[in-house]
Amino acid sequence: MASTTFPIGGDLDVRRLGFGAMRLPTEPADARAASIEVARRAVELGVTLIDTAHMYGWGANEELVAEALYPYPDELLITTKVGVVRSSSTGEWGLDGRPDVLRDQVEQALRRLRVERIELLQLHRIDPQTPLDDQVGTLRDLRSEGKIGRIGLSEVTVAELDQARQITDIASVQNRYNLLDREYEPVLAACEAAGIAFLPWRPVAAGSSGTRAEIAAVAAEAGATPTQVALAWLLGHSPVILPIPGTARIDHLEENLAAARIHLSPGQRERLDRLSQEA
C-alpha cells in the first residue's frame, strides 16, 4: 500500500494528494466567494499542500488563498513560486531570475500570504539570461535569512537539477507530468533517487483521460472516473509524486481527492503503463 504522506525536505510531512490553486478565479465577487469555498473545502477534506504562484493573477491568487485560509492550520503548507514578471507596457510575461526581482517577489509573497516564512518556495522557471548560481544562490540566502524554509524548482532537466543541487539543497521539483505525458520521467527518477518531492503540474491530461478507451475501461472496473484513475496511477507510480490537481468546483475537488482511495491492481497498472509508453 502506497504511503499517503511524504516528508518534503525530509522533515515536512504533507498528504501526497494536494491542491493547485491556479484555477481559482479571484473576480468578480461571486466567483471569488466560490473560490474561497473551494479552498476551504479542500482543507476540510484533509489537503495539507496548496500550490500557488506570483504569476497566478500577479499576486491575486496568493491574496485569495490567504483570505480563504488565514490563519493557517499548523499542518497546512502553502507553497508559492517566483521568477516570472509581467511587462507594464505590453502585459506580456517573461522570465526574470535576477536576485533583486526574486527578493522583491518573495517579500511580496510574505505580505500577501501573511506569513513570516514561506516553508517551500519554488523557482517558477530558470531564467536563461541570469546565471543559475545567482538565482538559486539568492533563494539559498533568503533561506539563511529565515524567509524561506525549503527551496524547489520547476520545469527543470536532470542536468539543471544536478547543477542546482551543487549550490544548495533542493526539496521539490514541479514539472509537467501525467499518465499520457511522461517526457520528464528521467527527472522523476532523479528525484526518487534523491528523495526529492516531485509535484506534477497538469497531473491529468486535459481532455484525454476520459476519451482513451483503456483508461475508461480501467475506470469502469475500479468503480472510478477516468480522472481518478489518472491520479491513482500517479500516486502508485512513485512514492515521491505529490499530485496537485486544480479546479474551481467543489464537486470536481471531491472527485479528485477521492482518487486517494482508488486501488489499481498490478494488471490494471500494467495496461496503463503500456498506454503511456504508446503516448
Protein backbone atom coordinates (compact mmCIF):
# COMPACT_ATOMS: atom_id res chain seq x y z
CA MET A 1 0.00 0.00 0.00
CA ALA A 2 1.49 3.34 -1.07
CA SER A 3 2.13 5.88 1.67
CA THR A 4 -0.41 8.69 1.83
CA THR A 5 2.17 11.22 3.08
CA PHE A 6 5.61 12.46 2.08
CA PRO A 7 8.25 14.42 4.05
CA ILE A 8 9.22 17.40 1.86
CA GLY A 9 12.84 18.26 2.53
CA GLY A 10 12.97 15.22 4.77
CA ASP A 11 11.05 16.82 7.62
CA LEU A 12 7.83 18.50 6.43
CA ASP A 13 5.11 15.85 6.23
CA VAL A 14 2.20 16.57 3.88
CA ARG A 15 -0.51 14.43 2.37
CA ARG A 16 0.57 13.41 -1.09
CA LEU A 17 -2.62 14.47 -2.87
CA GLY A 18 -2.65 18.25 -2.75
CA PHE A 19 -4.47 21.12 -4.43
CA GLY A 20 -3.37 23.57 -7.11
CA ALA A 21 -4.95 26.99 -6.65
CA MET A 22 -4.18 28.33 -10.13
CA ARG A 23 -7.69 27.72 -11.48
CA LEU A 24 -9.43 29.67 -8.71
CA PRO A 25 -10.85 32.92 -10.14
CA THR A 26 -10.35 36.00 -7.98
CA GLU A 27 -13.09 38.12 -9.55
CA PRO A 28 -15.93 39.09 -9.88
CA ALA A 29 -17.18 38.96 -6.30
CA ASP A 30 -19.43 35.91 -6.69
CA ALA A 31 -16.65 33.91 -8.38
CA ARG A 32 -14.23 34.96 -5.66
CA ALA A 33 -16.64 33.81 -2.96
CA ALA A 34 -16.97 30.44 -4.71
CA SER A 35 -13.17 30.14 -4.92
CA ILE A 36 -12.86 30.76 -1.20
CA GLU A 37 -15.35 27.98 -0.54
CA VAL A 38 -13.39 25.58 -2.73
CA ALA A 39 -10.13 26.35 -0.92
CA ARG A 40 -11.75 25.91 2.47
CA ARG A 41 -13.40 22.67 1.40
CA ALA A 42 -10.02 21.33 0.27
CA VAL A 43 -8.63 21.82 3.77
CA GLU A 44 -11.78 20.34 5.33
CA LEU A 45 -11.18 17.22 3.22
CA GLY A 46 -7.65 16.83 4.54
CA VAL A 47 -5.48 18.63 1.98
CA THR A 48 -2.24 19.80 3.59
CA LEU A 49 -0.43 21.05 0.45
CA ILE A 50 -1.72 24.00 -1.58
CA ASP A 51 0.23 25.38 -4.53
CA THR A 52 0.05 28.97 -5.77
CA ALA A 53 2.41 31.40 -7.53
CA HIS A 54 3.20 35.06 -8.07
CA MET A 55 2.26 34.57 -11.74
CA TYR A 56 -1.28 33.42 -10.92
CA GLY A 57 -3.05 36.75 -11.15
CA TRP A 58 0.25 38.54 -10.37
CA GLY A 59 -0.27 38.08 -6.66
CA ALA A 60 -4.07 37.99 -6.65
CA ASN A 61 -4.12 34.21 -6.22
CA GLU A 62 -1.82 34.40 -3.21
CA GLU A 63 -4.11 37.01 -1.66
CA LEU A 64 -7.14 34.81 -2.33
CA VAL A 65 -5.51 31.82 -0.60
CA ALA A 66 -4.72 33.97 2.42
CA GLU A 67 -8.24 35.40 2.55
CA ALA A 68 -9.69 31.90 2.44
CA LEU A 69 -7.40 30.11 4.86
CA TYR A 70 -5.54 32.51 7.16
CA PRO A 71 -4.81 31.84 9.98
CA TYR A 72 -3.49 28.61 8.54
CA PRO A 73 -3.81 25.26 10.32
CA ASP A 74 -0.46 24.10 11.68
CA GLU A 75 -0.31 21.16 9.26
CA LEU A 76 -1.09 23.21 6.12
CA LEU A 77 1.74 24.00 3.68
CA ILE A 78 1.22 26.88 1.27
CA THR A 79 3.88 26.83 -1.42
CA THR A 80 4.36 29.60 -3.96
CA LYS A 81 6.63 30.35 -6.91
CA VAL A 82 8.66 33.34 -8.08
CA GLY A 83 10.74 34.29 -11.12
CA VAL A 84 8.12 35.35 -13.68
CA VAL A 85 7.30 39.02 -14.39
CA ARG A 86 4.75 40.91 -16.46
CA SER A 87 5.61 43.88 -18.65
CA SER A 88 3.85 47.04 -17.50
CA SER A 89 3.72 48.30 -21.10
CA THR A 90 2.66 45.19 -23.05
CA GLY A 91 1.15 42.96 -20.35
CA GLU A 92 3.22 40.04 -21.65
CA TRP A 93 5.03 37.77 -19.21
CA GLY A 94 8.64 36.70 -19.21
CA LEU A 95 11.27 35.05 -17.04
CA ASP A 96 13.33 37.16 -14.67
CA GLY A 97 15.59 35.48 -12.14
CA ARG A 98 17.72 38.45 -11.21
CA PRO A 99 18.40 38.50 -7.47
CA ASP A 100 16.60 41.80 -6.82
CA VAL A 101 13.50 40.57 -8.64
CA LEU A 102 13.43 37.28 -6.74
CA ARG A 103 13.91 39.07 -3.44
CA ASP A 104 11.11 41.53 -4.20
CA GLN A 105 8.67 38.76 -5.21
CA VAL A 106 9.46 36.79 -2.06
CA GLU A 107 8.81 39.91 0.04
CA GLN A 108 5.52 40.42 -1.79
CA ALA A 109 4.55 36.78 -1.21
CA LEU A 110 5.30 37.04 2.50
CA ARG A 111 3.00 40.04 2.72
CA ARG A 112 0.21 38.60 0.59
CA LEU A 113 0.24 35.21 2.30
CA ARG A 114 0.53 36.93 5.72
CA VAL A 115 3.44 34.80 6.88
CA GLU A 116 6.94 35.47 8.18
CA ARG A 117 8.44 32.47 6.36
CA ILE A 118 7.46 30.56 3.20
CA GLU A 119 8.08 26.93 4.08
CA LEU A 120 8.51 25.89 0.42
CA LEU A 121 9.47 28.49 -2.19
CA GLN A 122 9.88 27.34 -5.79
CA LEU A 123 11.64 28.98 -8.72
CA HIS A 124 8.88 29.06 -11.35
CA ARG A 125 11.32 28.74 -14.25
CA ILE A 126 15.07 29.06 -14.67
CA ASP A 127 15.88 32.36 -16.37
CA PRO A 128 18.41 31.57 -19.13
CA GLN A 129 19.65 35.18 -19.05
CA THR A 130 20.71 35.01 -15.37
CA PRO A 131 23.40 32.66 -14.02
CA LEU A 132 21.84 29.77 -12.11
CA ASP A 133 24.25 30.47 -9.24
CA ASP A 134 22.65 33.90 -8.86
CA GLN A 135 19.10 32.56 -8.96
CA VAL A 136 19.42 29.55 -6.67
CA GLY A 137 22.05 31.35 -4.58
CA THR A 138 19.57 34.14 -3.87
CA LEU A 139 16.98 31.64 -2.65
CA ARG A 140 19.66 29.98 -0.53
CA ASP A 141 20.48 33.36 1.02
CA LEU A 142 16.80 34.05 1.69
CA ARG A 143 16.60 30.69 3.44
CA SER A 144 19.59 31.64 5.59
CA GLU A 145 17.77 34.86 6.46
CA GLY A 146 14.75 32.86 7.65
CA LYS A 147 12.36 34.00 4.93
CA ILE A 148 12.29 30.61 3.16
CA GLY A 149 12.17 27.17 4.71
CA ARG A 150 12.91 24.97 1.69
CA ILE A 151 13.74 25.55 -1.97
CA GLY A 152 12.12 23.98 -5.03
CA LEU A 153 12.48 24.22 -8.82
CA SER A 154 10.00 23.99 -11.70
CA GLU A 155 10.37 22.75 -15.29
CA VAL A 156 13.96 21.60 -14.99
CA THR A 157 16.08 18.95 -16.65
CA VAL A 158 18.19 16.39 -14.82
CA ALA A 159 21.31 18.43 -15.61
CA GLU A 160 19.74 21.62 -14.24
CA LEU A 161 18.61 19.81 -11.10
CA ASP A 162 22.13 18.44 -10.60
CA GLN A 163 23.64 21.89 -11.07
CA ALA A 164 21.22 23.47 -8.60
CA ARG A 165 21.92 20.77 -6.01
CA GLN A 166 25.60 21.71 -6.15
CA ILE A 167 24.56 25.19 -4.97
CA THR A 168 22.09 24.19 -2.24
CA ASP A 169 19.65 21.51 -1.12
CA ILE A 170 16.58 21.15 -3.34
CA ALA A 171 13.40 19.92 -1.67
CA SER A 172 11.00 19.73 -4.61
CA VAL A 173 10.63 19.74 -8.38
CA GLN A 174 7.46 20.80 -10.17
CA ASN A 175 7.41 19.59 -13.78
CA ARG A 176 4.66 18.82 -16.28
CA TYR A 177 3.82 15.13 -15.97
CA ASN A 178 0.85 12.77 -16.19
CA LEU A 179 -0.14 9.31 -17.34
CA LEU A 180 -0.07 10.31 -21.01
CA ASP A 181 2.83 12.77 -20.84
CA ARG A 182 5.97 11.26 -19.33
CA GLU A 183 8.64 13.40 -21.00
CA TYR A 184 10.18 14.12 -17.62
CA GLU A 185 10.46 10.52 -16.47
CA PRO A 186 14.27 10.92 -16.09
CA VAL A 187 13.72 13.92 -13.79
CA LEU A 188 11.24 11.91 -11.74
CA ALA A 189 13.80 9.11 -11.45
CA ALA A 190 16.43 11.59 -10.26
CA CYS A 191 14.01 12.96 -7.66
CA GLU A 192 13.15 9.47 -6.47
CA ALA A 193 16.84 8.59 -6.07
CA ALA A 194 17.47 11.74 -4.04
CA GLY A 195 14.25 11.73 -2.01
CA ILE A 196 13.06 14.98 -3.63
CA ALA A 197 9.31 15.65 -3.83
CA PHE A 198 8.01 15.66 -7.41
CA LEU A 199 4.90 17.82 -7.89
CA PRO A 200 3.44 17.13 -11.34
CA TRP A 201 1.59 20.08 -12.76
CA ARG A 202 -1.12 19.17 -15.24
CA PRO A 203 -1.41 15.80 -13.44
CA VAL A 204 -4.38 14.83 -15.61
CA ALA A 205 -4.04 15.04 -19.39
CA ALA A 206 -6.61 17.70 -20.25
CA GLY A 207 -9.41 16.29 -22.37
CA SER A 208 -7.60 12.99 -22.94
CA SER A 209 -8.10 10.73 -19.92
CA GLY A 210 -11.83 10.33 -20.47
CA THR A 211 -11.52 9.64 -24.19
CA ARG A 212 -8.87 6.93 -24.01
CA ALA A 213 -10.65 3.59 -24.18
CA GLU A 214 -8.18 1.80 -21.91
CA ILE A 215 -8.43 4.44 -19.19
CA ALA A 216 -12.22 4.38 -19.42
CA ALA A 217 -12.17 0.58 -19.18
CA VAL A 218 -9.97 0.58 -16.08
CA ALA A 219 -12.16 3.28 -14.54
CA ALA A 220 -15.26 1.15 -15.08
CA GLU A 221 -13.55 -1.86 -13.50
CA ALA A 222 -12.39 0.17 -10.49
CA GLY A 223 -15.71 1.94 -9.99
CA ALA A 224 -13.96 5.27 -10.55
CA THR A 225 -13.82 8.11 -13.04
CA PRO A 226 -11.03 8.42 -15.65
CA THR A 227 -9.67 11.43 -13.74
CA GLN A 228 -9.49 9.40 -10.54
CA VAL A 229 -7.70 6.60 -12.38
CA ALA A 230 -5.12 9.05 -13.74
CA LEU A 231 -4.47 10.43 -10.25
CA ALA A 232 -4.41 6.99 -8.62
CA TRP A 233 -1.88 5.89 -11.24
CA LEU A 234 0.37 8.81 -10.30
CA LEU A 235 0.16 8.03 -6.58
CA GLY A 236 1.17 4.44 -7.22
CA HIS A 237 3.81 5.16 -9.84
CA SER A 238 6.36 6.68 -7.46
CA PRO A 239 6.38 7.40 -3.72
CA VAL A 240 7.81 10.90 -4.31
CA ILE A 241 4.93 12.04 -6.56
CA LEU A 242 2.64 14.65 -4.97
CA PRO A 243 -0.11 15.50 -7.48
CA ILE A 244 -1.68 18.96 -7.17
CA PRO A 245 -4.85 18.84 -9.33
CA GLY A 246 -6.69 22.15 -9.53
CA THR A 247 -10.33 23.04 -10.00
CA ALA A 248 -12.78 25.84 -9.29
CA ARG A 249 -15.64 23.45 -8.46
CA ILE A 250 -16.30 21.63 -5.21
CA ASP A 251 -17.70 18.54 -6.96
CA HIS A 252 -14.53 18.20 -9.04
CA LEU A 253 -12.41 18.79 -5.93
CA GLU A 254 -14.18 15.98 -4.11
CA GLU A 255 -13.81 13.72 -7.15
CA ASN A 256 -10.07 14.44 -7.34
CA LEU A 257 -9.39 13.84 -3.65
CA ALA A 258 -11.35 10.58 -3.68
CA ALA A 259 -8.65 9.22 -6.01
CA ALA A 260 -6.53 8.53 -2.93
CA ARG A 261 -8.93 5.69 -2.10
CA ILE A 262 -8.79 4.06 -5.54
CA HIS A 263 -6.84 0.80 -5.69
CA LEU A 264 -5.46 -0.24 -9.07
CA SER A 265 -4.41 -3.87 -9.49
CA PRO A 266 -0.99 -4.78 -10.91
CA GLY A 267 -2.70 -5.86 -14.11
CA GLN A 268 -4.52 -2.55 -14.46
CA ARG A 269 -1.30 -0.65 -13.84
CA GLU A 270 0.47 -2.69 -16.48
CA ARG A 271 -2.24 -1.81 -19.01
CA LEU A 272 -1.97 1.87 -18.14
CA ASP A 273 1.83 1.76 -18.33
CA ARG A 274 1.62 0.39 -21.85
CA LEU A 275 -0.74 3.21 -22.76
CA SER A 276 1.69 5.84 -21.53
CA GLN A 277 4.50 4.20 -23.48
CA GLU A 278 2.39 4.41 -26.62
CA ALA A 279 1.68 8.08 -25.91
